[in-house]
Amino acid sequence: MSLCLAALFWGCKVETVEQHEQGASSSVSQQESSSRAASGEGTGKPSQAAGSWEGASSKASQAGESREEDPSGASGAAQESQKAPTVSAGESKAPGGTPSQPETPSAAQASSVPPEPEPEPETITITISVLCDLAVGNPSLNPGVSVPADGVMVSGLSLNLTPGQTAYDALKQTGLALDYSGSPSRKNVYLRGIGGLYEKDCGPASGWVFSLNGGYPNTSCSNVTLNDGDVVVFQFTDGTKLY
């Protein structure tokens, strides 16, 4: 019995625990080598593919960076264009980019501009006289009519009128009694008598006439507008030609 057990003991391979672990580790290493060989790690091709992929990725990132820089460059150009000074109409741009002052009109251009009309004065001043010297001592004078001995009813009276007033308006301001026909508004006043002296008081051709600055207008005194400095004279005539 002891011999049989010894024979069995010696005929069988007995492994220790350390030997068993070493064998298992060797088996795992062989399996990993086989896996790497199958995937191509032994040939070096996968590493080259990874390198080419990394290069392409690097180029793509560089292209992206360049594209990201372009908008900033465009924005800078836009900002520069906004900063550029504008030149308005009538200004010329002097060398160096500084707008020059607008040109002033020349003396010839300034002289061609018509001057503004002067405003009309608020009042005008005229001089008026009323004379009847041809009736004084006239044998044809109506006996019931009295006249000044010197033949002067008004002499050189200065009056202030408003622009647009007439010779008739000036005569009214003398205060003399007036007798007339027609209408001042229609500018057709006909003087029949001034100061109590009437037409035909010294004969059939006698009556009143008036002059303006030495001339005798052939129209009604209510139709003659006076100007500043005018001289108006109303004069009684016995029919003798005065002009």
C-alpha atoms as a PDB file:
ATOM      1  CA  MET A   1       0.000   0.000   0.000  1.00  0.00           C
ATOM      2  CA  SER A   2       2.768   2.431   0.830  1.00  0.00           C
ATOM      3  CA  LEU A   3       4.640   1.524  -2.304  1.00  0.00           C
ATOM      4  CA  CYS A   4       1.610   2.094  -4.466  1.00  0.00           C
ATOM      5  CA  LEU A   5       1.022   5.504  -3.015  1.00  0.00           C
ATOM      6  CA  ALA A   6       4.695   6.364  -3.476  1.00  0.00           C
ATOM      7  CA  ALA A   7       4.584   5.200  -7.031  1.00  0.00           C
ATOM      8  CA  LEU A   8       1.521   7.236  -7.694  1.00  0.00           C
ATOM      9  CA  PHE A   9       3.108  10.193  -6.005  1.00  0.00           C
ATOM     10  CA  TRP A  10       6.245   9.987  -8.056  1.00  0.00           C
ATOM     11  CA  GLY A  11       4.462   9.258 -11.320  1.00  0.00           C
ATOM     12  CA  CYS A  12       2.277  12.365 -11.126  1.00  0.00           C
ATOM     13  CA  LYS A  13       3.493  15.851 -11.781  1.00  0.00           C
ATOM     14  CA  VAL A  14       3.065  17.911  -8.724  1.00  0.00           C
ATOM     15  CA  GLU A  15       2.916  21.797  -9.178  1.00  0.00           C
ATOM     16  CA  THR A  16       3.324  24.272  -6.488  1.00  0.00           C
ATOM     17  CA  VAL A  17       1.142  27.406  -6.222  1.00  0.00           C
ATOM     18  CA  GLU A  18       3.927  29.640  -7.582  1.00  0.00           C
ATOM     19  CA  GLN A  19       4.376  27.409 -10.609  1.00  0.00           C
ATOM     20  CA  HIS A  20       0.667  27.520 -11.299  1.00  0.00           C
ATOM     21  CA  GLU A  21       0.575  31.355 -11.228  1.00  0.00           C
ATOM     22  CA  GLN A  22       3.594  31.679 -13.543  1.00  0.00           C
ATOM     23  CA  GLY A  23       1.914  29.415 -16.069  1.00  0.00           C
ATOM     24  CA  ALA A  24      -1.298  31.419 -16.014  1.00  0.00           C
ATOM     25  CA  SER A  25       0.638  34.698 -16.529  1.00  0.00           C
ATOM     26  CA  SER A  26       2.510  33.239 -19.492  1.00  0.00           C
ATOM     27  CA  SER A  27      -0.742  32.186 -21.093  1.00  0.00           C
ATOM     28  CA  VAL A  28      -2.224  35.682 -20.773  1.00  0.00           C
ATOM     29  CA  SER A  29       0.883  37.248 -22.345  1.00  0.00           C
ATOM     30  CA  GLN A  30       0.619  34.928 -25.319  1.00  0.00           C
ATOM     31  CA  GLN A  31      -3.023  35.868 -25.833  1.00  0.00           C
ATOM     32  CA  GLU A  32      -2.235  39.623 -25.764  1.00  0.00           C
ATOM     33  CA  SER A  33       0.585  39.143 -28.299  1.00  0.00           C
ATOM     34  CA  SER A  34      -1.770  37.328 -30.573  1.00  0.00           C
ATOM     35  CA  SER A  35      -4.345  40.154 -30.278  1.00  0.00           C
ATOM     36  CA  ARG A  36      -1.776  42.854 -31.133  1.00  0.00           C
ATOM     37  CA  ALA A  37      -0.567  40.915 -34.113  1.00  0.00           C
ATOM     38  CA  ALA A  38      -4.099  40.604 -35.402  1.00  0.00           C
ATOM     39  CA  SER A  39      -4.784  44.357 -35.064  1.00  0.00           C
ATOM     40  CA  GLY A  40      -1.574  45.269 -36.934  1.00  0.00           C
ATOM     41  CA  GLU A  41       0.455  46.774 -34.108  1.00  0.00           C
ATOM     42  CA  GLY A  42       3.398  44.719 -35.185  1.00  0.00           C
ATOM     43  CA  THR A  43       3.508  46.286 -38.685  1.00  0.00           C
ATOM     44  CA  GLY A  44       3.474  49.977 -37.566  1.00  0.00           C
ATOM     45  CA  LYS A  45       0.594  50.948 -39.958  1.00  0.00           C
ATOM     46  CA  PRO A  46      -1.881  52.035 -37.279  1.00  0.00           C
ATOM     47  CA  SER A  47       0.636  54.532 -35.860  1.00  0.00           C
ATOM     48  CA  GLN A  48       1.090  56.077 -39.302  1.00  0.00           C
ATOM     49  CA  ALA A  49      -2.658  56.432 -39.714  1.00  0.00           C
ATOM     50  CA  ALA A  50      -2.927  58.082 -36.330  1.00  0.00           C
ATOM     51  CA  GLY A  51      -0.105  60.463 -37.297  1.00  0.00           C
ATOM     52  CA  SER A  52      -1.825  61.415 -40.574  1.00  0.00           C
ATOM     53  CA  TRP A  53      -5.086  61.973 -38.713  1.00  0.00           C
ATOM     54  CA  GLU A  54      -3.342  64.194 -36.208  1.00  0.00           C
ATOM     55  CA  GLY A  55      -1.755  66.219 -39.083  1.00  0.00           C
ATOM     56  CA  ALA A  56      -5.110  66.681 -40.773  1.00  0.00           C
ATOM     57  CA  SER A  57      -6.628  67.763 -37.490  1.00  0.00           C
ATOM     58  CA  SER A  58      -3.804  70.267 -37.003  1.00  0.00           C
ATOM     59  CA  LYS A  59      -4.363  71.727 -40.512  1.00  0.00           C
ATOM     60  CA  ALA A  60      -8.067  71.976 -39.891  1.00  0.00           C
ATOM     61  CA  SER A  61      -7.473  73.829 -36.640  1.00  0.00           C
ATOM     62  CA  GLN A  62      -5.071  76.235 -38.404  1.00  0.00           C
ATOM     63  CA  ALA A  63      -7.666  76.882 -41.097  1.00  0.00           C
ATOM     64  CA  GLY A  64     -10.242  77.538 -38.420  1.00  0.00           C
ATOM     65  CA  GLU A  65      -7.942  80.002 -36.723  1.00  0.00           C
ATOM     66  CA  SER A  66      -7.353  81.837 -39.995  1.00  0.00           C
ATOM     67  CA  ARG A  67     -11.092  81.991 -40.582  1.00  0.00           C
ATOM     68  CA  GLU A  68     -11.579  83.331 -37.091  1.00  0.00           C
ATOM     69  CA  GLU A  69      -8.992  86.075 -37.785  1.00  0.00           C
ATOM     70  CA  ASP A  70     -10.735  87.251 -40.994  1.00  0.00           C
ATOM     71  CA  PRO A  71     -13.821  88.745 -39.276  1.00  0.00           C
ATOM     72  CA  SER A  72     -11.615  90.760 -36.953  1.00  0.00           C
ATOM     73  CA  GLY A  73      -9.713  92.102 -39.945  1.00  0.00           C
ATOM     74  CA  ALA A  74     -12.963  93.040 -41.698  1.00  0.00           C
ATOM     75  CA  SER A  75     -14.202  94.689 -38.533  1.00  0.00           C
ATOM     76  CA  GLY A  76     -10.979  96.690 -38.290  1.00  0.00           C
ATOM     77  CA  ALA A  77     -11.405  97.873 -41.880  1.00  0.00           C
ATOM     78  CA  ALA A  78     -14.983  98.906 -41.140  1.00  0.00           C
ATOM     79  CA  GLN A  79     -13.821 100.817 -38.090  1.00  0.00           C
ATOM     80  CA  GLU A  80     -11.148 102.584 -40.131  1.00  0.00           C
ATOM     81  CA  SER A  81     -13.756 103.573 -42.739  1.00  0.00           C
ATOM     82  CA  GLN A  82     -15.974 104.970 -40.011  1.00  0.00           C
ATOM     83  CA  LYS A  83     -13.096 107.017 -38.621  1.00  0.00           C
ATOM     84  CA  ALA A  84     -12.336 108.525 -42.019  1.00  0.00           C
ATOM     85  CA  PRO A  85     -13.427 112.223 -42.059  1.00  0.00           C
ATOM     86  CA  THR A  86     -16.255 113.218 -44.371  1.00  0.00           C
ATOM     87  CA  VAL A  87     -16.110 116.296 -46.571  1.00  0.00           C
ATOM     88  CA  SER A  88     -19.374 118.201 -46.823  1.00  0.00           C
ATOM     89  CA  ALA A  89     -20.627 120.035 -49.884  1.00  0.00           C
ATOM     90  CA  GLY A  90     -18.868 123.331 -50.478  1.00  0.00           C
ATOM     91  CA  GLU A  91     -15.660 122.194 -48.746  1.00  0.00           C
ATOM     92  CA  SER A  92     -12.498 121.089 -50.481  1.00  0.00           C
ATOM     93  CA  LYS A  93     -10.102 118.636 -48.962  1.00  0.00           C
ATOM     94  CA  ALA A  94      -6.646 120.113 -48.497  1.00  0.00           C
ATOM     95  CA  PRO A  95      -3.477 117.946 -48.670  1.00  0.00           C
ATOM     96  CA  GLY A  96      -3.115 115.942 -45.507  1.00  0.00           C
ATOM     97  CA  GLY A  97      -6.831 115.125 -45.210  1.00  0.00           C
ATOM     98  CA  THR A  98      -7.944 118.360 -43.461  1.00  0.00           C
ATOM     99  CA  PRO A  99     -11.072 119.982 -45.002  1.00  0.00           C
ATOM    100  CA  SER A 100     -10.430 123.543 -46.030  1.00  0.00           C
ATOM    101  CA  GLN A 101     -12.805 126.418 -45.294  1.00  0.00           C
ATOM    102  CA  PRO A 102     -15.655 127.127 -47.807  1.00  0.00           C
ATOM    103  CA  GLU A 103     -14.787 129.665 -50.440  1.00  0.00           C
ATOM    104  CA  THR A 104     -16.068 133.155 -49.746  1.00  0.00           C
ATOM    105  CA  PRO A 105     -17.886 134.964 -52.567  1.00  0.00           C
ATOM    106  CA  SER A 106     -15.690 137.242 -54.617  1.00  0.00           C
ATOM    107  CA  ALA A 107     -16.113 140.999 -54.751  1.00  0.00           C
ATOM    108  CA  ALA A 108     -17.758 140.728 -58.184  1.00  0.00           C
ATOM    109  CA  GLN A 109     -20.301 138.237 -56.873  1.00  0.00           C
ATOM    110  CA  ALA A 110     -21.001 140.387 -53.830  1.00  0.00           C
ATOM    111  CA  SER A 111     -21.534 143.472 -55.984  1.00  0.00           C
ATOM    112  CA  SER A 112     -24.033 141.602 -58.181  1.00  0.00           C
ATOM    113  CA  VAL A 113     -26.368 141.037 -55.214  1.00  0.00           C
ATOM    114  CA  PRO A 114     -29.021 143.783 -55.284  1.00  0.00           C
ATOM    115  CA  PRO A 115     -29.220 145.837 -52.080  1.00  0.00           C
ATOM    116  CA  GLU A 116     -32.244 145.447 -49.888  1.00  0.00           C
ATOM    117  CA  PRO A 117     -34.833 148.214 -50.354  1.00  0.00           C
ATOM    118  CA  GLU A 118     -34.914 150.788 -47.618  1.00  0.00           C
ATOM    119  CA  PRO A 119     -38.002 150.637 -45.403  1.00  0.00           C
ATOM    120  CA  GLU A 120     -40.576 153.326 -45.980  1.00  0.00           C
ATOM    121  CA  PRO A 121     -40.601 156.098 -43.356  1.00  0.00           C
ATOM    122  CA  GLU A 122     -43.442 156.122 -40.861  1.00  0.00           C
ATOM    123  CA  THR A 123     -44.249 159.755 -41.752  1.00  0.00           C
ATOM    124  CA  ILE A 124     -43.468 162.188 -44.550  1.00  0.00           C
ATOM    125  CA  THR A 125     -43.094 165.963 -44.339  1.00  0.00           C
ATOM    126  CA  ILE A 126     -44.520 168.267 -46.988  1.00  0.00           C
ATOM    127  CA  THR A 127     -44.984 172.035 -47.363  1.00  0.00           C
ATOM    128  CA  ILE A 128     -48.295 173.578 -48.417  1.00  0.00           C
ATOM    129  CA  SER A 129     -49.429 177.117 -49.311  1.00  0.00           C
ATOM    130  CA  VAL A 130     -52.876 178.529 -50.236  1.00  0.00           C
ATOM    131  CA  LEU A 131     -52.808 181.808 -52.221  1.00  0.00           C
ATOM    132  CA  CYS A 132     -55.490 184.148 -53.579  1.00  0.00           C
ATOM    133  CA  ASP A 133     -53.492 187.225 -54.561  1.00  0.00           C
ATOM    134  CA  LEU A 134     -55.172 187.425 -57.983  1.00  0.00           C
ATOM    135  CA  ALA A 135     -58.474 188.137 -56.268  1.00  0.00           C
ATOM    136  CA  VAL A 136     -57.137 191.039 -54.224  1.00  0.00           C
ATOM    137  CA  GLY A 137     -58.242 194.329 -55.849  1.00  0.00           C
ATOM    138  CA  ASN A 138     -59.750 192.424 -58.769  1.00  0.00           C
ATOM    139  CA  PRO A 139     -62.598 194.546 -60.217  1.00  0.00           C
ATOM    140  CA  SER A 140     -64.505 191.376 -61.028  1.00  0.00           C
ATOM    141  CA  LEU A 141     -64.430 190.170 -57.444  1.00  0.00           C
ATOM    142  CA  ASN A 142     -67.863 189.472 -56.041  1.00  0.00           C
ATOM    143  CA  PRO A 143     -68.662 192.379 -53.634  1.00  0.00           C
ATOM    144  CA  GLY A 144     -69.909 189.999 -50.973  1.00  0.00           C
ATOM    145  CA  VAL A 145     -66.613 188.122 -50.774  1.00  0.00           C
ATOM    146  CA  SER A 146     -63.719 189.181 -48.556  1.00  0.00           C
ATOM    147  CA  VAL A 147     -60.171 187.945 -49.005  1.00  0.00           C
ATOM    148  CA  PRO A 148     -56.899 188.512 -47.065  1.00  0.00           C
ATOM    149  CA  ALA A 149     -55.324 191.841 -47.970  1.00  0.00           C
ATOM    150  CA  ASP A 150     -52.012 190.182 -48.851  1.00  0.00           C
ATOM    151  CA  GLY A 151     -53.741 187.400 -50.730  1.00  0.00           C
ATOM    152  CA  VAL A 152     -52.233 184.692 -48.471  1.00  0.00           C
ATOM    153  CA  MET A 153     -54.482 182.204 -46.718  1.00  0.00           C
ATOM    154  CA  VAL A 154     -51.665 179.733 -45.806  1.00  0.00           C
ATOM    155  CA  SER A 155     -47.972 180.302 -46.396  1.00  0.00           C
ATOM    156  CA  GLY A 156     -45.337 177.564 -46.303  1.00  0.00           C
ATOM    157  CA  LEU A 157     -47.080 175.376 -43.716  1.00  0.00           C
ATOM    158  CA  SER A 158     -45.099 172.251 -42.878  1.00  0.00           C
ATOM    159  CA  LEU A 159     -47.235 169.144 -42.338  1.00  0.00           C
ATOM    160  CA  ASN A 160     -46.493 165.587 -41.291  1.00  0.00           C
ATOM    161  CA  LEU A 161     -48.435 163.021 -43.305  1.00  0.00           C
ATOM    162  CA  THR A 162     -48.465 159.260 -43.496  1.00  0.00           C
ATOM    163  CA  PRO A 163     -47.199 157.600 -46.676  1.00  0.00           C
ATOM    164  CA  GLY A 164     -49.974 157.273 -49.231  1.00  0.00           C
ATOM    165  CA  GLN A 165     -51.810 160.476 -48.366  1.00  0.00           C
ATOM    166  CA  THR A 166     -52.740 162.929 -51.119  1.00  0.00           C
ATOM    167  CA  ALA A 167     -52.668 166.677 -51.846  1.00  0.00           C
ATOM    168  CA  TYR A 168     -56.333 166.812 -50.852  1.00  0.00           C
ATOM    169  CA  ASP A 169     -55.440 165.293 -47.435  1.00  0.00           C
ATOM    170  CA  ALA A 170     -52.810 168.005 -46.963  1.00  0.00           C
ATOM    171  CA  LEU A 171     -55.318 170.731 -47.839  1.00  0.00           C
ATOM    172  CA  LYS A 172     -57.782 169.380 -45.267  1.00  0.00           C
ATOM    173  CA  GLN A 173     -55.127 169.667 -42.536  1.00  0.00           C
ATOM    174  CA  THR A 174     -54.827 173.422 -43.093  1.00  0.00           C
ATOM    175  CA  GLY A 175     -58.178 173.904 -41.353  1.00  0.00           C
ATOM    176  CA  LEU A 176     -59.639 176.030 -44.145  1.00  0.00           C
ATOM    177  CA  ALA A 177     -63.283 175.606 -45.076  1.00  0.00           C
ATOM    178  CA  LEU A 178     -63.627 173.430 -48.184  1.00  0.00           C
ATOM    179  CA  ASP A 179     -66.443 173.022 -50.658  1.00  0.00           C
ATOM    180  CA  TYR A 180     -66.104 170.285 -53.247  1.00  0.00           C
ATOM    181  CA  SER A 181     -67.868 167.716 -55.323  1.00  0.00           C
ATOM    182  CA  GLY A 182     -66.865 164.172 -56.037  1.00  0.00           C
ATOM    183  CA  SER A 183     -65.395 161.685 -53.535  1.00  0.00           C
ATOM    184  CA  PRO A 184     -61.931 161.424 -51.979  1.00  0.00           C
ATOM    185  CA  SER A 185     -62.227 157.622 -51.938  1.00  0.00           C
ATOM    186  CA  ARG A 186     -62.896 157.656 -55.688  1.00  0.00           C
ATOM    187  CA  LYS A 187     -60.064 160.166 -56.177  1.00  0.00           C
ATOM    188  CA  ASN A 188     -62.249 162.566 -58.168  1.00  0.00           C
ATOM    189  CA  VAL A 189     -62.583 165.568 -55.842  1.00  0.00           C
ATOM    190  CA  TYR A 190     -63.367 168.870 -57.595  1.00  0.00           C
ATOM    191  CA  LEU A 191     -62.719 171.986 -55.473  1.00  0.00           C
ATOM    192  CA  ARG A 192     -65.434 174.614 -55.761  1.00  0.00           C
ATOM    193  CA  GLY A 193     -64.351 176.896 -52.898  1.00  0.00           C
ATOM    194  CA  ILE A 194     -61.558 177.335 -50.295  1.00  0.00           C
ATOM    195  CA  GLY A 195     -61.784 179.716 -47.317  1.00  0.00           C
ATOM    196  CA  GLY A 196     -65.015 181.322 -48.587  1.00  0.00           C
ATOM    197  CA  LEU A 197     -63.625 182.119 -52.054  1.00  0.00           C
ATOM    198  CA  TYR A 198     -65.438 180.206 -54.779  1.00  0.00           C
ATOM    199  CA  GLU A 199     -65.081 179.556 -58.451  1.00  0.00           C
ATOM    200  CA  LYS A 200     -66.533 182.357 -60.657  1.00  0.00           C
ATOM    201  CA  ASP A 201     -66.173 184.903 -57.816  1.00  0.00           C
ATOM    202  CA  CYS A 202     -63.831 186.840 -60.116  1.00  0.00           C
ATOM    203  CA  GLY A 203     -65.482 186.124 -63.437  1.00  0.00           C
ATOM    204  CA  PRO A 204     -66.745 183.048 -65.287  1.00  0.00           C
ATOM    205  CA  ALA A 205     -63.229 181.589 -65.794  1.00  0.00           C
ATOM    206  CA  SER A 206     -62.039 182.012 -62.213  1.00  0.00           C
ATOM    207  CA  GLY A 207     -61.472 179.121 -59.854  1.00  0.00           C
ATOM    208  CA  TRP A 208     -58.898 177.036 -57.947  1.00  0.00           C
ATOM    209  CA  VAL A 209     -55.890 175.166 -59.293  1.00  0.00           C
ATOM    210  CA  PHE A 210     -52.947 173.480 -57.581  1.00  0.00           C
ATOM    211  CA  SER A 211     -49.310 172.791 -58.338  1.00  0.00           C
ATOM    212  CA  LEU A 212     -46.874 170.121 -57.116  1.00  0.00           C
ATOM    213  CA  ASN A 213     -43.200 171.052 -56.979  1.00  0.00           C
ATOM    214  CA  GLY A 214     -43.775 173.798 -59.578  1.00  0.00           C
ATOM    215  CA  GLY A 215     -45.791 171.658 -62.019  1.00  0.00           C
ATOM    216  CA  TYR A 216     -49.569 171.572 -62.560  1.00  0.00           C
ATOM    217  CA  PRO A 217     -50.945 168.021 -62.583  1.00  0.00           C
ATOM    218  CA  ASN A 218     -53.870 167.539 -64.962  1.00  0.00           C
ATOM    219  CA  THR A 219     -55.865 165.503 -62.445  1.00  0.00           C
ATOM    220  CA  SER A 220     -57.744 165.816 -59.170  1.00  0.00           C
ATOM    221  CA  CYS A 221     -55.835 166.741 -56.032  1.00  0.00           C
ATOM    222  CA  SER A 222     -57.299 163.626 -54.414  1.00  0.00           C
ATOM    223  CA  ASN A 223     -55.514 161.528 -57.049  1.00  0.00           C
ATOM    224  CA  VAL A 224     -51.988 162.815 -56.337  1.00  0.00           C
ATOM    225  CA  THR A 225     -50.021 160.892 -53.698  1.00  0.00           C
ATOM    226  CA  LEU A 226     -47.427 162.960 -51.904  1.00  0.00           C
ATOM    227  CA  ASN A 227     -43.843 162.051 -51.078  1.00  0.00           C
ATOM    228  CA  ASP A 228     -41.495 163.314 -48.422  1.00  0.00           C
ATOM    229  CA  GLY A 229     -40.307 166.869 -49.185  1.00  0.00           C
ATOM    230  CA  ASP A 230     -43.031 167.726 -51.692  1.00  0.00           C
ATOM    231  CA  VAL A 231     -44.215 171.340 -52.049  1.00  0.00           C
ATOM    232  CA  VAL A 232     -47.922 171.848 -52.778  1.00  0.00           C
ATOM    233  CA  VAL A 233     -49.504 175.219 -53.675  1.00  0.00           C
ATOM    234  CA  PHE A 234     -53.261 175.835 -54.093  1.00  0.00           C
ATOM    235  CA  GLN A 235     -53.869 179.086 -55.977  1.00  0.00           C
ATOM    236  CA  PHE A 236     -56.962 181.029 -56.989  1.00  0.00           C
ATOM    237  CA  THR A 237     -56.985 182.268 -60.563  1.00  0.00           C
ATOM    238  CA  ASP A 238     -59.245 184.796 -62.299  1.00  0.00           C
ATOM    239  CA  GLY A 239     -58.815 182.989 -65.569  1.00  0.00           C
ATOM    240  CA  THR A 240     -55.345 184.331 -66.196  1.00  0.00           C
ATOM    241  CA  LYS A 241     -53.009 181.639 -67.403  1.00  0.00           C
ATOM    242  CA  LEU A 242     -50.669 180.732 -64.594  1.00  0.00           C
ATOM    243  CA  TYR A 243     -48.391 178.379 -66.526  1.00  0.00           C
END
